[in-house]
C-alpha atoms as a PDB file:
ATOM      1  CA  UNK A   1      -9.649  -6.863 -13.226  1.00  0.00           C
ATOM      2  CA  UNK A   2      -9.911 -10.192 -15.011  1.00  0.00           C
ATOM      3  CA  UNK A   3     -11.964 -10.286 -18.155  1.00  0.00           C
ATOM      4  CA  UNK A   4     -15.125 -12.296 -17.838  1.00  0.00           C
ATOM      5  CA  UNK A   5     -18.362 -12.138 -19.815  1.00  0.00           C
ATOM      6  CA  UNK A   6     -19.835 -10.105 -16.962  1.00  0.00           C
ATOM      7  CA  UNK A   7     -17.002  -7.562 -16.874  1.00  0.00           C
ATOM      8  CA  UNK A   8     -16.966  -7.336 -20.658  1.00  0.00           C
ATOM      9  CA  UNK A   9     -20.707  -6.568 -20.607  1.00  0.00           C
ATOM     10  CA  UNK A  10     -20.225  -3.982 -17.875  1.00  0.00           C
ATOM     11  CA  UNK A  11     -17.518  -2.188 -19.849  1.00  0.00           C
ATOM     12  CA  UNK A  12     -19.653  -2.223 -22.994  1.00  0.00           C
ATOM     13  CA  UNK A  13     -22.561  -0.686 -21.069  1.00  0.00           C
ATOM     14  CA  UNK A  14     -20.556   2.254 -19.700  1.00  0.00           C
ATOM     15  CA  UNK A  15     -20.491   5.596 -21.464  1.00  0.00           C
ATOM     16  CA  UNK A  16     -17.230   7.331 -22.303  1.00  0.00           C
ATOM     17  CA  UNK A  17     -17.780   9.744 -19.390  1.00  0.00           C
ATOM     18  CA  UNK A  18     -18.357   6.858 -16.975  1.00  0.00           C
ATOM     19  CA  UNK A  19     -15.215   5.084 -18.188  1.00  0.00           C
ATOM     20  CA  UNK A  20     -13.169   8.280 -17.866  1.00  0.00           C
ATOM     21  CA  UNK A  21     -14.534   8.888 -14.370  1.00  0.00           C
ATOM     22  CA  UNK A  22     -13.811   5.292 -13.357  1.00  0.00           C
ATOM     23  CA  UNK A  23     -10.252   5.540 -14.677  1.00  0.00           C
ATOM     24  CA  UNK A  24      -9.713   8.837 -12.848  1.00  0.00           C
ATOM     25  CA  UNK A  25     -10.937   7.294  -9.565  1.00  0.00           C
ATOM     26  CA  UNK A  26      -8.685   4.289 -10.124  1.00  0.00           C
ATOM     27  CA  UNK A  27      -5.743   6.557 -10.881  1.00  0.00           C
ATOM     28  CA  UNK A  28      -6.421   8.654  -7.756  1.00  0.00           C
ATOM     29  CA  UNK A  29      -6.629   5.535  -5.594  1.00  0.00           C
ATOM     30  CA  UNK A  30      -3.434   4.162  -7.111  1.00  0.00           C
ATOM     31  CA  UNK A  31      -1.682   7.465  -6.357  1.00  0.00           C
ATOM     32  CA  UNK A  32      -2.962   7.450  -2.787  1.00  0.00           C
ATOM     33  CA  UNK A  33      -1.781   3.863  -2.329  1.00  0.00           C
ATOM     34  CA  UNK A  34       1.665   4.745  -3.692  1.00  0.00           C
ATOM     35  CA  UNK A  35       1.914   7.681  -1.252  1.00  0.00           C
ATOM     36  CA  UNK A  36       0.862   5.453   1.658  1.00  0.00           C
ATOM     37  CA  UNK A  37       3.433   2.836   0.656  1.00  0.00           C
ATOM     38  CA  UNK A  38       6.141   5.492   0.411  1.00  0.00           C
ATOM     39  CA  UNK A  39       5.250   6.701   3.898  1.00  0.00           C
ATOM     40  CA  UNK A  40       5.293   3.140   5.235  1.00  0.00           C
ATOM     41  CA  UNK A  41       8.697   2.601   3.633  1.00  0.00           C
ATOM     42  CA  UNK A  42      10.050   5.761   5.284  1.00  0.00           C
ATOM     43  CA  UNK A  43       8.673   4.693   8.658  1.00  0.00           C
ATOM     44  CA  UNK A  44      10.173   1.225   8.255  1.00  0.00           C
ATOM     45  CA  UNK A  45      13.542   2.762   7.394  1.00  0.00           C
ATOM     46  CA  UNK A  46      13.331   4.897  10.520  1.00  0.00           C
ATOM     47  CA  UNK A  47      12.465   1.886  12.669  1.00  0.00           C
ATOM     48  CA  UNK A  48      15.281  -0.083  11.084  1.00  0.00           C
ATOM     49  CA  UNK A  49      17.685   2.746  11.853  1.00  0.00           C
ATOM     50  CA  UNK A  50      16.550   2.828  15.468  1.00  0.00           C
ATOM     51  CA  UNK A  51      16.845  -0.937  15.676  1.00  0.00           C
ATOM     52  CA  UNK A  52      20.403  -1.011  14.354  1.00  0.00           C
ATOM     53  CA  UNK A  53      22.023   2.134  15.726  1.00  0.00           C
ATOM     54  CA  UNK A  54      20.546   3.143  19.069  1.00  0.00           C
ATOM     55  CA  UNK A  55      20.517   1.838  22.602  1.00  0.00           C
ATOM     56  CA  UNK A  56      16.920   1.013  23.403  1.00  0.00           C
ATOM     57  CA  UNK A  57      15.165  -1.009  26.065  1.00  0.00           C
ATOM     58  CA  UNK A  58      14.153  -4.593  25.297  1.00  0.00           C
ATOM     59  CA  UNK A  59      10.507  -3.461  25.122  1.00  0.00           C
ATOM     60  CA  UNK A  60      11.445  -0.927  22.449  1.00  0.00           C
ATOM     61  CA  UNK A  61      13.274  -3.591  20.457  1.00  0.00           C
ATOM     62  CA  UNK A  62      10.238  -5.877  20.651  1.00  0.00           C
ATOM     63  CA  UNK A  63       7.944  -3.048  19.559  1.00  0.00           C
ATOM     64  CA  UNK A  64      10.149  -2.129  16.601  1.00  0.00           C
ATOM     65  CA  UNK A  65      10.614  -5.767  15.620  1.00  0.00           C
ATOM     66  CA  UNK A  66       6.851  -6.358  15.689  1.00  0.00           C
ATOM     67  CA  UNK A  67       6.208  -3.189  13.685  1.00  0.00           C
ATOM     68  CA  UNK A  68       8.751  -4.205  11.056  1.00  0.00           C
ATOM     69  CA  UNK A  69       7.300  -7.712  10.851  1.00  0.00           C
ATOM     70  CA  UNK A  70       3.811  -6.252  10.330  1.00  0.00           C
ATOM     71  CA  UNK A  71       5.141  -3.901   7.641  1.00  0.00           C
ATOM     72  CA  UNK A  72       6.889  -6.781   5.846  1.00  0.00           C
ATOM     73  CA  UNK A  73       3.726  -8.881   5.970  1.00  0.00           C
ATOM     74  CA  UNK A  74       1.645  -6.121   4.429  1.00  0.00           C
ATOM     75  CA  UNK A  75       4.286  -5.490   1.763  1.00  0.00           C
ATOM     76  CA  UNK A  76       4.428  -9.228   0.989  1.00  0.00           C
ATOM     77  CA  UNK A  77       8.077  -9.572   1.944  1.00  0.00           C
END
């Protein structure tokens, strides 16, 4: 979060318990995001493997290619 007068005031108004709870929620969300990214990476690796090493129909290639493109877009690649 960027520091602004509003965010600075918000942080000053929070109690220690509220700050700790907010940090725990943030940490939990960050952990969940990391697990989701790891799963997406594993799925992308699987699709890549299928794409490169198996005989598939043209429809399957298109599906895998589109899925990989979507994954790359979400990952910012």
